[in-house]
């Protein structure tokens, strides 16, 4: 599972990077951009951390208010899902200390992404 999430995040970075390159060189119009629904789909299946890193690294999509609003909703849904999964596991099997540490780290990472997304959304034009 961890390998799949890692691969999806690497994919998110690569797709965002490709879209940024196409956006910069879009003047000739011969290469089509990556649709926003594709970017959001990658985020939704677990690539939100990679997408956030790519947004920062490539300065891509951070000024588009509607896009960032949808990104925030995806991160919020992931936080809720993560909490529900951990509660279900805790109630059925119990979480050892490592499990709780991973849960807290994942929550902190997603919260940082969420707070940063709100900040970017409020500052977008």
PDB file of N, CA and C in Angstrom:
ATOM      1  N   UNK A   1       0.824  -1.198   0.000  1.00  0.00           N
ATOM      2  CA  UNK A   1       0.000   0.000   0.000  1.00  0.00           C
ATOM      3  C   UNK A   1       0.864   1.256   0.000  1.00  0.00           C
ATOM      4  N   UNK A   2       1.899   1.262   0.825  1.00  0.00           N
ATOM      5  CA  UNK A   2       2.788   2.421   0.889  1.00  0.00           C
ATOM      6  C   UNK A   2       3.511   2.684  -0.418  1.00  0.00           C
ATOM      7  N   UNK A   3       3.882   1.604  -1.105  1.00  0.00           N
ATOM      8  CA  UNK A   3       4.556   1.742  -2.397  1.00  0.00           C
ATOM      9  C   UNK A   3       3.607   2.364  -3.418  1.00  0.00           C
ATOM     10  N   UNK A   4       2.342   1.948  -3.384  1.00  0.00           N
ATOM     11  CA  UNK A   4       1.346   2.513  -4.314  1.00  0.00           C
ATOM     12  C   UNK A   4       1.141   3.997  -4.059  1.00  0.00           C
ATOM     13  N   UNK A   5       1.020   4.377  -2.805  1.00  0.00           N
ATOM     14  CA  UNK A   5       0.843   5.803  -2.465  1.00  0.00           C
ATOM     15  C   UNK A   5       2.071   6.585  -2.900  1.00  0.00           C
ATOM     16  N   UNK A   6       3.246   6.031  -2.661  1.00  0.00           N
ATOM     17  CA  UNK A   6       4.478   6.697  -3.105  1.00  0.00           C
ATOM     18  C   UNK A   6       4.517   6.871  -4.608  1.00  0.00           C
ATOM     19  N   UNK A   7       4.115   5.824  -5.332  1.00  0.00           N
ATOM     20  CA  UNK A   7       4.107   5.895  -6.798  1.00  0.00           C
ATOM     21  C   UNK A   7       3.108   6.928  -7.301  1.00  0.00           C
ATOM     22  N   UNK A   8       1.947   7.013  -6.671  1.00  0.00           N
ATOM     23  CA  UNK A   8       0.940   7.998  -7.073  1.00  0.00           C
ATOM     24  C   UNK A   8       1.460   9.420  -6.824  1.00  0.00           C
ATOM     25  N   UNK A   9       2.182   9.624  -5.738  1.00  0.00           N
ATOM     26  CA  UNK A   9       2.727  10.947  -5.448  1.00  0.00           C
ATOM     27  C   UNK A   9       3.833  11.330  -6.426  1.00  0.00           C
ATOM     28  N   UNK A  10       4.666  10.366  -6.797  1.00  0.00           N
ATOM     29  CA  UNK A  10       5.679  10.635  -7.826  1.00  0.00           C
ATOM     30  C   UNK A  10       4.997  10.953  -9.148  1.00  0.00           C
ATOM     31  N   UNK A  11       3.947  10.196  -9.479  1.00  0.00           N
ATOM     32  CA  UNK A  11       3.176  10.464 -10.689  1.00  0.00           C
ATOM     33  C   UNK A  11       2.592  11.877 -10.669  1.00  0.00           C
ATOM     34  N   UNK A  12       2.074  12.285  -9.511  1.00  0.00           N
ATOM     35  CA  UNK A  12       1.509  13.636  -9.389  1.00  0.00           C
ATOM     36  C   UNK A  12       2.570  14.697  -9.696  1.00  0.00           C
ATOM     37  N   UNK A  13       3.755  14.526  -9.154  1.00  0.00           N
ATOM     38  CA  UNK A  13       4.832  15.481  -9.398  1.00  0.00           C
ATOM     39  C   UNK A  13       5.179  15.519 -10.887  1.00  0.00           C
ATOM     40  N   UNK A  14       5.282  14.354 -11.498  1.00  0.00           N
ATOM     41  CA  UNK A  14       5.628  14.296 -12.918  1.00  0.00           C
ATOM     42  C   UNK A  14       4.548  14.920 -13.802  1.00  0.00           C
ATOM     43  N   UNK A  15       3.289  14.637 -13.506  1.00  0.00           N
ATOM     44  CA  UNK A  15       2.197  15.177 -14.320  1.00  0.00           C
ATOM     45  C   UNK A  15       2.090  16.689 -14.142  1.00  0.00           C
ATOM     46  N   UNK A  16       2.225  17.183 -12.907  1.00  0.00           N
ATOM     47  CA  UNK A  16       2.229  18.628 -12.680  1.00  0.00           C
ATOM     48  C   UNK A  16       3.404  19.281 -13.409  1.00  0.00           C
ATOM     49  N   UNK A  17       4.566  18.657 -13.348  1.00  0.00           N
ATOM     50  CA  UNK A  17       5.733  19.199 -14.040  1.00  0.00           C
ATOM     51  C   UNK A  17       5.533  19.247 -15.540  1.00  0.00           C
ATOM     52  N   UNK A  18       4.967  18.187 -16.088  1.00  0.00           N
ATOM     53  CA  UNK A  18       4.662  18.161 -17.529  1.00  0.00           C
ATOM     54  C   UNK A  18       3.683  19.271 -17.886  1.00  0.00           C
ATOM     55  N   UNK A  19       2.619  19.409 -17.089  1.00  0.00           N
ATOM     56  CA  UNK A  19       1.610  20.426 -17.383  1.00  0.00           C
ATOM     57  C   UNK A  19       2.198  21.833 -17.288  1.00  0.00           C
ATOM     58  N   UNK A  20       3.096  22.047 -16.341  1.00  0.00           N
ATOM     59  CA  UNK A  20       3.739  23.356 -16.228  1.00  0.00           C
ATOM     60  C   UNK A  20       4.604  23.637 -17.456  1.00  0.00           C
ATOM     61  N   UNK A  21       5.356  22.632 -17.897  1.00  0.00           N
ATOM     62  CA  UNK A  21       6.188  22.813 -19.101  1.00  0.00           C
ATOM     63  C   UNK A  21       5.331  23.132 -20.313  1.00  0.00           C
ATOM     64  N   UNK A  22       4.218  22.427 -20.452  1.00  0.00           N
ATOM     65  CA  UNK A  22       3.319  22.680 -21.573  1.00  0.00           C
ATOM     66  C   UNK A  22       2.695  24.070 -21.444  1.00  0.00           C
ATOM     67  N   UNK A  23       2.333  24.454 -20.219  1.00  0.00           N
ATOM     68  CA  UNK A  23       1.719  25.771 -20.005  1.00  0.00           C
ATOM     69  C   UNK A  23       2.682  26.894 -20.365  1.00  0.00           C
ATOM     70  N   UNK A  24       3.950  26.726 -20.031  1.00  0.00           N
ATOM     71  CA  UNK A  24       4.952  27.755 -20.331  1.00  0.00           C
ATOM     72  C   UNK A  24       5.192  27.847 -21.824  1.00  0.00           C
ATOM     73  N   UNK A  25       5.207  26.704 -22.503  1.00  0.00           N
ATOM     74  CA  UNK A  25       5.490  26.701 -23.934  1.00  0.00           C
ATOM     75  C   UNK A  25       4.212  26.620 -24.773  1.00  0.00           C
ATOM     76  N   UNK A  26       3.092  26.998 -24.198  1.00  0.00           N
ATOM     77  CA  UNK A  26       1.793  26.877 -24.856  1.00  0.00           C
ATOM     78  C   UNK A  26       1.597  27.865 -26.002  1.00  0.00           C
ATOM     79  N   UNK A  27       2.527  28.719 -26.191  1.00  0.00           N
ATOM     80  CA  UNK A  27       2.360  29.764 -27.194  1.00  0.00           C
ATOM     81  C   UNK A  27       2.072  29.210 -28.593  1.00  0.00           C
ATOM     82  N   UNK A  28       2.642  28.051 -28.920  1.00  0.00           N
ATOM     83  CA  UNK A  28       2.391  27.484 -30.246  1.00  0.00           C
ATOM     84  C   UNK A  28       1.097  26.672 -30.291  1.00  0.00           C
ATOM     85  N   UNK A  29       0.588  26.268 -29.138  1.00  0.00           N
ATOM     86  CA  UNK A  29      -0.701  25.596 -29.055  1.00  0.00           C
ATOM     87  C   UNK A  29      -0.752  24.187 -29.623  1.00  0.00           C
ATOM     88  N   UNK A  30       0.380  23.603 -29.963  1.00  0.00           N
ATOM     89  CA  UNK A  30       0.360  22.275 -30.585  1.00  0.00           C
ATOM     90  C   UNK A  30       0.274  21.142 -29.558  1.00  0.00           C
ATOM     91  N   UNK A  31       0.658  21.395 -28.328  1.00  0.00           N
ATOM     92  CA  UNK A  31       0.646  20.360 -27.288  1.00  0.00           C
ATOM     93  C   UNK A  31      -0.508  20.664 -26.339  1.00  0.00           C
ATOM     94  N   UNK A  32      -1.313  19.647 -26.058  1.00  0.00           N
ATOM     95  CA  UNK A  32      -2.459  19.881 -25.186  1.00  0.00           C
ATOM     96  C   UNK A  32      -2.065  19.754 -23.716  1.00  0.00           C
ATOM     97  N   UNK A  33      -2.744  20.536 -22.909  1.00  0.00           N
ATOM     98  CA  UNK A  33      -2.508  20.555 -21.465  1.00  0.00           C
ATOM     99  C   UNK A  33      -3.159  19.355 -20.792  1.00  0.00           C
ATOM    100  N   UNK A  34      -2.754  19.105 -19.568  1.00  0.00           N
ATOM    101  CA  UNK A  34      -3.373  18.060 -18.757  1.00  0.00           C
ATOM    102  C   UNK A  34      -4.663  18.658 -18.176  1.00  0.00           C
ATOM    103  N   UNK A  35      -5.802  18.024 -18.397  1.00  0.00           N
ATOM    104  CA  UNK A  35      -7.057  18.558 -17.845  1.00  0.00           C
ATOM    105  C   UNK A  35      -7.020  18.599 -16.316  1.00  0.00           C
ATOM    106  N   UNK A  36      -7.676  19.598 -15.746  1.00  0.00           N
ATOM    107  CA  UNK A  36      -7.690  19.732 -14.291  1.00  0.00           C
ATOM    108  C   UNK A  36      -8.329  18.530 -13.619  1.00  0.00           C
ATOM    109  N   UNK A  37      -9.311  17.925 -14.266  1.00  0.00           N
ATOM    110  CA  UNK A  37      -9.941  16.755 -13.646  1.00  0.00           C
ATOM    111  C   UNK A  37      -8.964  15.584 -13.544  1.00  0.00           C
ATOM    112  N   UNK A  38      -7.994  15.508 -14.436  1.00  0.00           N
ATOM    113  CA  UNK A  38      -6.957  14.471 -14.336  1.00  0.00           C
ATOM    114  C   UNK A  38      -6.052  14.769 -13.137  1.00  0.00           C
ATOM    115  N   UNK A  39      -5.663  16.040 -12.987  1.00  0.00           N
ATOM    116  CA  UNK A  39      -4.832  16.422 -11.836  1.00  0.00           C
ATOM    117  C   UNK A  39      -5.562  16.124 -10.527  1.00  0.00           C
ATOM    118  N   UNK A  40      -6.840  16.490 -10.464  1.00  0.00           N
ATOM    119  CA  UNK A  40      -7.605  16.230  -9.241  1.00  0.00           C
ATOM    120  C   UNK A  40      -7.820  14.740  -9.011  1.00  0.00           C
ATOM    121  N   UNK A  41      -7.950  13.968 -10.068  1.00  0.00           N
ATOM    122  CA  UNK A  41      -8.112  12.517  -9.907  1.00  0.00           C
ATOM    123  C   UNK A  41      -6.861  11.900  -9.295  1.00  0.00           C
ATOM    124  N   UNK A  42      -5.705  12.352  -9.740  1.00  0.00           N
ATOM    125  CA  UNK A  42      -4.447  11.853  -9.169  1.00  0.00           C
ATOM    126  C   UNK A  42      -4.358  12.226  -7.688  1.00  0.00           C
ATOM    127  N   UNK A  43      -4.755  13.443  -7.357  1.00  0.00           N
ATOM    128  CA  UNK A  43      -4.755  13.872  -5.950  1.00  0.00           C
ATOM    129  C   UNK A  43      -5.705  13.008  -5.133  1.00  0.00           C
ATOM    130  N   UNK A  44      -6.871  12.760  -5.691  1.00  0.00           N
ATOM    131  CA  UNK A  44      -7.922  12.038  -4.972  1.00  0.00           C
ATOM    132  C   UNK A  44      -7.518  10.614  -4.621  1.00  0.00           C
ATOM    133  N   UNK A  45      -6.753   9.954  -5.478  1.00  0.00           N
ATOM    134  CA  UNK A  45      -6.354   8.572  -5.200  1.00  0.00           C
ATOM    135  C   UNK A  45      -5.100   8.483  -4.327  1.00  0.00           C
ATOM    136  N   UNK A  46      -4.683   9.600  -3.764  1.00  0.00           N
ATOM    137  CA  UNK A  46      -3.575   9.573  -2.812  1.00  0.00           C
ATOM    138  C   UNK A  46      -2.380  10.427  -3.168  1.00  0.00           C
ATOM    139  N   UNK A  47      -2.462  11.162  -4.258  1.00  0.00           N
ATOM    140  CA  UNK A  47      -1.319  11.962  -4.694  1.00  0.00           C
ATOM    141  C   UNK A  47      -1.338  13.405  -4.241  1.00  0.00           C
ATOM    142  N   UNK A  48      -2.062  13.699  -3.171  1.00  0.00           N
ATOM    143  CA  UNK A  48      -2.167  15.104  -2.739  1.00  0.00           C
ATOM    144  C   UNK A  48      -0.835  15.653  -2.223  1.00  0.00           C
ATOM    145  N   UNK A  49      -0.042  14.841  -1.568  1.00  0.00           N
ATOM    146  CA  UNK A  49       1.262  15.326  -1.097  1.00  0.00           C
ATOM    147  C   UNK A  49       2.167  15.650  -2.283  1.00  0.00           C
ATOM    148  N   UNK A  50       2.233  14.755  -3.257  1.00  0.00           N
ATOM    149  CA  UNK A  50       3.030  15.011  -4.461  1.00  0.00           C
ATOM    150  C   UNK A  50       2.518  16.213  -5.227  1.00  0.00           C
ATOM    151  N   UNK A  51       1.193  16.366  -5.295  1.00  0.00           N
ATOM    152  CA  UNK A  51       0.602  17.521  -5.981  1.00  0.00           C
ATOM    153  C   UNK A  51       0.985  18.816  -5.275  1.00  0.00           C
ATOM    154  N   UNK A  52       0.934  18.792  -3.948  1.00  0.00           N
ATOM    155  CA  UNK A  52       1.283  19.984  -3.166  1.00  0.00           C
ATOM    156  C   UNK A  52       2.757  20.349  -3.358  1.00  0.00           C
ATOM    157  N   UNK A  53       3.614  19.343  -3.336  1.00  0.00           N
ATOM    158  CA  UNK A  53       5.052  19.574  -3.564  1.00  0.00           C
ATOM    159  C   UNK A  53       5.268  20.164  -4.953  1.00  0.00           C
ATOM    160  N   UNK A  54       4.586  19.594  -5.945  1.00  0.00           N
ATOM    161  CA  UNK A  54       4.721  20.082  -7.322  1.00  0.00           C
ATOM    162  C   UNK A  54       4.182  21.504  -7.468  1.00  0.00           C
ATOM    163  N   UNK A  55       3.067  21.794  -6.810  1.00  0.00           N
ATOM    164  CA  UNK A  55       2.524  23.156  -6.860  1.00  0.00           C
ATOM    165  C   UNK A  55       3.551  24.155  -6.344  1.00  0.00           C
ATOM    166  N   UNK A  56       4.209  23.796  -5.271  1.00  0.00           N
ATOM    167  CA  UNK A  56       5.237  24.672  -4.692  1.00  0.00           C
ATOM    168  C   UNK A  56       6.481  24.741  -5.581  1.00  0.00           C
ATOM    169  N   UNK A  57       6.959  23.585  -6.018  1.00  0.00           N
ATOM    170  CA  UNK A  57       8.207  23.532  -6.779  1.00  0.00           C
ATOM    171  C   UNK A  57       8.084  24.212  -8.136  1.00  0.00           C
ATOM    172  N   UNK A  58       6.957  24.005  -8.803  1.00  0.00           N
ATOM    173  CA  UNK A  58       6.777  24.543 -10.147  1.00  0.00           C
ATOM    174  C   UNK A  58       5.967  25.833 -10.174  1.00  0.00           C
ATOM    175  N   UNK A  59       5.507  26.285  -8.996  1.00  0.00           N
ATOM    176  CA  UNK A  59       4.663  27.482  -8.911  1.00  0.00           C
ATOM    177  C   UNK A  59       3.497  27.343  -9.896  1.00  0.00           C
ATOM    178  N   UNK A  60       2.825  26.203  -9.790  1.00  0.00           N
ATOM    179  CA  UNK A  60       1.821  25.838 -10.791  1.00  0.00           C
ATOM    180  C   UNK A  60       0.446  25.672 -10.151  1.00  0.00           C
ATOM    181  N   UNK A  61      -0.534  26.321 -10.713  1.00  0.00           N
ATOM    182  CA  UNK A  61      -1.952  26.250 -10.332  1.00  0.00           C
ATOM    183  C   UNK A  61      -2.249  26.927  -9.001  1.00  0.00           C
ATOM    184  N   UNK A  62      -1.295  27.581  -8.379  1.00  0.00           N
ATOM    185  CA  UNK A  62      -1.538  28.137  -7.055  1.00  0.00           C
ATOM    186  C   UNK A  62      -2.297  29.460  -7.092  1.00  0.00           C
ATOM    187  N   UNK A  63      -2.396  30.080  -8.238  1.00  0.00           N
ATOM    188  CA  UNK A  63      -3.138  31.339  -8.339  1.00  0.00           C
ATOM    189  C   UNK A  63      -4.572  31.132  -8.817  1.00  0.00           C
ATOM    190  N   UNK A  64      -4.871  29.927  -9.217  1.00  0.00           N
ATOM    191  CA  UNK A  64      -6.213  29.637  -9.732  1.00  0.00           C
ATOM    192  C   UNK A  64      -7.113  29.246  -8.566  1.00  0.00           C
ATOM    193  N   UNK A  65      -7.952  30.171  -8.178  1.00  0.00           N
ATOM    194  CA  UNK A  65      -8.768  30.036  -6.972  1.00  0.00           C
ATOM    195  C   UNK A  65      -9.677  28.798  -7.002  1.00  0.00           C
ATOM    196  N   UNK A  66     -10.350  28.569  -8.109  1.00  0.00           N
ATOM    197  CA  UNK A  66     -11.263  27.423  -8.178  1.00  0.00           C
ATOM    198  C   UNK A  66     -10.501  26.102  -8.064  1.00  0.00           C
ATOM    199  N   UNK A  67      -9.341  26.022  -8.680  1.00  0.00           N
ATOM    200  CA  UNK A  67      -8.532  24.813  -8.613  1.00  0.00           C
ATOM    201  C   UNK A  67      -8.080  24.558  -7.178  1.00  0.00           C
ATOM    202  N   UNK A  68      -7.598  25.591  -6.509  1.00  0.00           N
ATOM    203  CA  UNK A  68      -7.109  25.427  -5.136  1.00  0.00           C
ATOM    204  C   UNK A  68      -8.247  25.098  -4.178  1.00  0.00           C
ATOM    205  N   UNK A  69      -9.436  25.628  -4.441  1.00  0.00           N
ATOM    206  CA  UNK A  69     -10.591  25.284  -3.616  1.00  0.00           C
ATOM    207  C   UNK A  69     -10.928  23.809  -3.729  1.00  0.00           C
ATOM    208  N   UNK A  70     -10.884  23.278  -4.945  1.00  0.00           N
ATOM    209  CA  UNK A  70     -11.140  21.854  -5.148  1.00  0.00           C
ATOM    210  C   UNK A  70     -10.031  21.011  -4.523  1.00  0.00           C
ATOM    211  N   UNK A  71      -8.807  21.483  -4.617  1.00  0.00           N
ATOM    212  CA  UNK A  71      -7.683  20.770  -4.000  1.00  0.00           C
ATOM    213  C   UNK A  71      -7.879  20.689  -2.489  1.00  0.00           C
ATOM    214  N   UNK A  72      -8.320  21.788  -1.884  1.00  0.00           N
ATOM    215  CA  UNK A  72      -8.554  21.806  -0.435  1.00  0.00           C
ATOM    216  C   UNK A  72      -9.639  20.800  -0.053  1.00  0.00           C
ATOM    217  N   UNK A  73     -10.706  20.737  -0.827  1.00  0.00           N
ATOM    218  CA  UNK A  73     -11.781  19.782  -0.539  1.00  0.00           C
ATOM    219  C   UNK A  73     -11.249  18.347  -0.596  1.00  0.00           C
ATOM    220  N   UNK A  74     -10.392  18.061  -1.567  1.00  0.00           N
ATOM    221  CA  UNK A  74      -9.805  16.722  -1.674  1.00  0.00           C
ATOM    222  C   UNK A  74      -8.959  16.407  -0.441  1.00  0.00           C
ATOM    223  N   UNK A  75      -8.130  17.355  -0.015  1.00  0.00           N
ATOM    224  CA  UNK A  75      -7.294  17.141   1.177  1.00  0.00           C
ATOM    225  C   UNK A  75      -8.182  16.950   2.412  1.00  0.00           C
ATOM    226  N   UNK A  76      -9.249  17.733   2.508  1.00  0.00           N
ATOM    227  CA  UNK A  76     -10.174  17.598   3.637  1.00  0.00           C
ATOM    228  C   UNK A  76     -10.828  16.212   3.631  1.00  0.00           C
ATOM    229  N   UNK A  77     -11.263  15.748   2.474  1.00  0.00           N
ATOM    230  CA  UNK A  77     -11.840  14.404   2.371  1.00  0.00           C
ATOM    231  C   UNK A  77     -10.830  13.333   2.767  1.00  0.00           C
ATOM    232  N   UNK A  78      -9.573  13.524   2.385  1.00  0.00           N
ATOM    233  CA  UNK A  78      -8.544  12.558   2.759  1.00  0.00           C
ATOM    234  C   UNK A  78      -8.313  12.551   4.264  1.00  0.00           C
ATOM    235  N   UNK A  79      -8.370  13.711   4.892  1.00  0.00           N
ATOM    236  CA  UNK A  79      -8.244  13.769   6.351  1.00  0.00           C
ATOM    237  C   UNK A  79      -9.378  13.001   7.024  1.00  0.00           C
ATOM    238  N   UNK A  80     -10.585  13.211   6.540  1.00  0.00           N
ATOM    239  CA  UNK A  80     -11.740  12.532   7.120  1.00  0.00           C
ATOM    240  C   UNK A  80     -11.625  11.024   6.910  1.00  0.00           C
ATOM    241  N   UNK A  81     -11.267  10.608   5.714  1.00  0.00           N
ATOM    242  CA  UNK A  81     -11.114   9.170   5.435  1.00  0.00           C
ATOM    243  C   UNK A  81     -10.026   8.544   6.294  1.00  0.00           C
ATOM    244  N   UNK A  82      -8.905   9.238   6.423  1.00  0.00           N
ATOM    245  CA  UNK A  82      -7.809   8.726   7.248  1.00  0.00           C
ATOM    246  C   UNK A  82      -8.257   8.560   8.696  1.00  0.00           C
ATOM    247  N   UNK A  83      -8.984   9.537   9.196  1.00  0.00           N
ATOM    248  CA  UNK A  83      -9.477   9.445  10.571  1.00  0.00           C
ATOM    249  C   UNK A  83     -10.435   8.269  10.729  1.00  0.00           C
ATOM    250  N   UNK A  84     -11.349   8.100   9.777  1.00  0.00           N
ATOM    251  CA  UNK A  84     -12.310   6.993   9.857  1.00  0.00           C
ATOM    252  C   UNK A  84     -11.621   5.636   9.775  1.00  0.00           C
ATOM    253  N   UNK A  85     -10.665   5.514   8.896  1.00  0.00           N
ATOM    254  CA  UNK A  85      -9.927   4.252   8.769  1.00  0.00           C
ATOM    255  C   UNK A  85      -9.200   3.926  10.064  1.00  0.00           C
ATOM    256  N   UNK A  86      -8.521   4.913  10.629  1.00  0.00           N
ATOM    257  CA  UNK A  86      -7.764   4.666  11.871  1.00  0.00           C
ATOM    258  C   UNK A  86      -8.690   4.350  13.039  1.00  0.00           C
ATOM    259  N   UNK A  87      -9.835   5.005  13.104  1.00  0.00           N
ATOM    260  CA  UNK A  87     -10.791   4.706  14.175  1.00  0.00           C
ATOM    261  C   UNK A  87     -11.323   3.284  14.019  1.00  0.00           C
ATOM    262  N   UNK A  88     -11.647   2.892  12.789  1.00  0.00           N
ATOM    263  CA  UNK A  88     -12.133   1.525  12.555  1.00  0.00           C
ATOM    264  C   UNK A  88     -11.082   0.492  12.928  1.00  0.00           C
ATOM    265  N   UNK A  89      -9.835   0.736  12.546  1.00  0.00           N
ATOM    266  CA  UNK A  89      -8.755  -0.192  12.892  1.00  0.00           C
ATOM    267  C   UNK A  89      -8.565  -0.241  14.396  1.00  0.00           C
ATOM    268  N   UNK A  90      -8.606   0.935  15.033  1.00  0.00           N
ATOM    269  CA  UNK A  90      -8.416   0.989  16.480  1.00  0.00           C
ATOM    270  C   UNK A  90      -9.525   0.239  17.204  1.00  0.00           C
ATOM    271  N   UNK A  91     -10.754   0.354  16.709  1.00  0.00           N
ATOM    272  CA  UNK A  91     -11.872  -0.313  17.368  1.00  0.00           C
ATOM    273  C   UNK A  91     -11.860  -1.820  17.142  1.00  0.00           C
ATOM    274  N   UNK A  92     -11.378  -2.253  15.992  1.00  0.00           N
ATOM    275  CA  UNK A  92     -11.403  -3.688  15.709  1.00  0.00           C
ATOM    276  C   UNK A  92     -10.130  -4.415  16.113  1.00  0.00           C
ATOM    277  N   UNK A  93      -8.989  -3.813  15.854  1.00  0.00           N
ATOM    278  CA  UNK A  93      -7.727  -4.507  16.102  1.00  0.00           C
ATOM    279  C   UNK A  93      -6.840  -3.796  17.109  1.00  0.00           C
ATOM    280  N   UNK A  94      -7.079  -2.536  17.352  1.00  0.00           N
ATOM    281  CA  UNK A  94      -6.210  -1.740  18.210  1.00  0.00           C
ATOM    282  C   UNK A  94      -5.006  -1.250  17.425  1.00  0.00           C
ATOM    283  N   UNK A  95      -4.548  -0.091  17.772  1.00  0.00           N
ATOM    284  CA  UNK A  95      -3.356   0.461  17.124  1.00  0.00           C
ATOM    285  C   UNK A  95      -2.197   0.416  18.106  1.00  0.00           C
ATOM    286  N   UNK A  96      -1.088  -0.102  17.649  1.00  0.00           N
ATOM    287  CA  UNK A  96       0.104  -0.067  18.485  1.00  0.00           C
ATOM    288  C   UNK A  96       0.692   1.347  18.418  1.00  0.00           C
ATOM    289  N   UNK A  97       1.780   1.567  19.108  1.00  0.00           N
ATOM    290  CA  UNK A  97       2.388   2.902  19.142  1.00  0.00           C
ATOM    291  C   UNK A  97       2.842   3.370  17.772  1.00  0.00           C
ATOM    292  N   UNK A  98       3.380   2.478  16.963  1.00  0.00           N
ATOM    293  CA  UNK A  98       3.839   2.841  15.629  1.00  0.00           C
ATOM    294  C   UNK A  98       2.651   3.286  14.771  1.00  0.00           C
ATOM    295  N   UNK A  99       1.551   2.568  14.898  1.00  0.00           N
ATOM    296  CA  UNK A  99       0.351   2.931  14.147  1.00  0.00           C
ATOM    297  C   UNK A  99      -0.147   4.327  14.493  1.00  0.00           C
ATOM    298  N   UNK A 100      -0.151   4.647  15.764  1.00  0.00           N
ATOM    299  CA  UNK A 100      -0.599   5.976  16.185  1.00  0.00           C
ATOM    300  C   UNK A 100       0.372   7.060  15.719  1.00  0.00           C
ATOM    301  N   UNK A 101       1.660   6.752  15.759  1.00  0.00           N
ATOM    302  CA  UNK A 101       2.647   7.727  15.291  1.00  0.00           C
ATOM    303  C   UNK A 101       2.453   8.006  13.803  1.00  0.00           C
ATOM    304  N   UNK A 102       2.260   6.953  13.011  1.00  0.00           N
ATOM    305  CA  UNK A 102       2.018   7.137  11.579  1.00  0.00           C
ATOM    306  C   UNK A 102       0.731   7.913  11.334  1.00  0.00           C
ATOM    307  N   UNK A 103      -0.297   7.623  12.112  1.00  0.00           N
ATOM    308  CA  UNK A 103      -1.563   8.332  11.993  1.00  0.00           C
ATOM    309  C   UNK A 103      -1.380   9.825  12.268  1.00  0.00           C
ATOM    310  N   UNK A 104      -0.689  10.140  13.340  1.00  0.00           N
ATOM    311  CA  UNK A 104      -0.463  11.544  13.707  1.00  0.00           C
ATOM    312  C   UNK A 104       0.386  12.253  12.654  1.00  0.00           C
ATOM    313  N   UNK A 105       1.428  11.595  12.165  1.00  0.00           N
ATOM    314  CA  UNK A 105       2.279  12.194  11.130  1.00  0.00           C
ATOM    315  C   UNK A 105       1.467  12.462   9.855  1.00  0.00           C
ATOM    316  N   UNK A 106       0.658  11.498   9.452  1.00  0.00           N
ATOM    317  CA  UNK A 106      -0.169  11.689   8.255  1.00  0.00           C
ATOM    318  C   UNK A 106      -1.146  12.846   8.446  1.00  0.00           C
ATOM    319  N   UNK A 107      -1.749  12.936   9.619  1.00  0.00           N
ATOM    320  CA  UNK A 107      -2.666  14.045   9.907  1.00  0.00           C
ATOM    321  C   UNK A 107      -1.937  15.380   9.846  1.00  0.00           C
ATOM    322  N   UNK A 108      -0.764  15.442  10.446  1.00  0.00           N
ATOM    323  CA  UNK A 108       0.001  16.701  10.445  1.00  0.00           C
ATOM    324  C   UNK A 108       0.352  17.115   9.020  1.00  0.00           C
ATOM    325  N   UNK A 109       0.808  16.175   8.212  1.00  0.00           N
ATOM    326  CA  UNK A 109       1.164  16.486   6.821  1.00  0.00           C
ATOM    327  C   UNK A 109      -0.056  16.997   6.061  1.00  0.00           C
ATOM    328  N   UNK A 110      -1.177  16.294   6.171  1.00  0.00           N
ATOM    329  CA  UNK A 110      -2.374  16.728   5.465  1.00  0.00           C
ATOM    330  C   UNK A 110      -2.904  18.057   5.995  1.00  0.00           C
ATOM    331  N   UNK A 111      -2.771  18.297   7.296  1.00  0.00           N
ATOM    332  CA  UNK A 111      -3.194  19.589   7.846  1.00  0.00           C
ATOM    333  C   UNK A 111      -2.323  20.730   7.331  1.00  0.00           C
ATOM    334  N   UNK A 112      -1.026  20.489   7.254  1.00  0.00           N
ATOM    335  CA  UNK A 112      -0.124  21.510   6.710  1.00  0.00           C
ATOM    336  C   UNK A 112      -0.508  21.831   5.275  1.00  0.00           C
ATOM    337  N   UNK A 113      -0.770  20.792   4.487  1.00  0.00           N
ATOM    338  CA  UNK A 113      -1.186  21.005   3.102  1.00  0.00           C
ATOM    339  C   UNK A 113      -2.496  21.793   3.071  1.00  0.00           C
ATOM    340  N   UNK A 114      -3.440  21.414   3.917  1.00  0.00           N
ATOM    341  CA  UNK A 114      -4.730  22.104   3.950  1.00  0.00           C
ATOM    342  C   UNK A 114      -4.611  23.567   4.338  1.00  0.00           C
ATOM    343  N   UNK A 115      -3.847  23.850   5.371  1.00  0.00           N
ATOM    344  CA  UNK A 115      -3.664  25.238   5.810  1.00  0.00           C
ATOM    345  C   UNK A 115      -2.953  26.053   4.736  1.00  0.00           C
ATOM    346  N   UNK A 116      -1.937  25.475   4.132  1.00  0.00           N
ATOM    347  CA  UNK A 116      -1.212  26.176   3.077  1.00  0.00           C
ATOM    348  C   UNK A 116      -2.119  26.419   1.870  1.00  0.00           C
ATOM    349  N   UNK A 117      -2.972  25.462   1.567  1.00  0.00           N
ATOM    350  CA  UNK A 117      -3.900  25.621   0.445  1.00  0.00           C
ATOM    351  C   UNK A 117      -4.886  26.746   0.720  1.00  0.00           C
ATOM    352  N   UNK A 118      -5.384  26.826   1.945  1.00  0.00           N
ATOM    353  CA  UNK A 118      -6.281  27.932   2.301  1.00  0.00           C
ATOM    354  C   UNK A 118      -5.560  29.263   2.138  1.00  0.00           C
ATOM    355  N   UNK A 119      -4.323  29.340   2.590  1.00  0.00           N
ATOM    356  CA  UNK A 119      -3.544  30.570   2.463  1.00  0.00           C
ATOM    357  C   UNK A 119      -3.368  30.953   0.999  1.00  0.00           C
ATOM    358  N   UNK A 120      -3.020  29.987   0.178  1.00  0.00           N
ATOM    359  CA  UNK A 120      -2.852  30.262  -1.258  1.00  0.00           C
ATOM    360  C   UNK A 120      -4.177  30.672  -1.897  1.00  0.00           C
ATOM    361  N   UNK A 121      -5.257  30.018  -1.487  1.00  0.00           N
ATOM    362  CA  UNK A 121      -6.575  30.311  -2.037  1.00  0.00           C
ATOM    363  C   UNK A 121      -6.987  31.732  -1.693  1.00  0.00           C
ATOM    364  N   UNK A 122      -6.727  32.145  -0.461  1.00  0.00           N
ATOM    365  CA  UNK A 122      -7.111  33.500  -0.039  1.00  0.00           C
ATOM    366  C   UNK A 122      -6.268  34.560  -0.739  1.00  0.00           C
ATOM    367  N   UNK A 123      -5.023  34.242  -1.067  1.00  0.00           N
ATOM    368  CA  UNK A 123      -4.141  35.203  -1.704  1.00  0.00           C
ATOM    369  C   UNK A 123      -4.222  35.192  -3.221  1.00  0.00           C
ATOM    370  N   UNK A 124      -4.997  34.247  -3.784  1.00  0.00           N
ATOM    371  CA  UNK A 124      -5.079  34.177  -5.251  1.00  0.00           C
ATOM    372  C   UNK A 124      -5.959  35.295  -5.772  1.00  0.00           C
ATOM    373  N   UNK A 125      -5.779  35.595  -7.015  1.00  0.00           N
ATOM    374  CA  UNK A 125      -6.507  36.714  -7.609  1.00  0.00           C
ATOM    375  C   UNK A 125      -7.672  36.227  -8.420  1.00  0.00           C
TER     376      UNK A 125
END
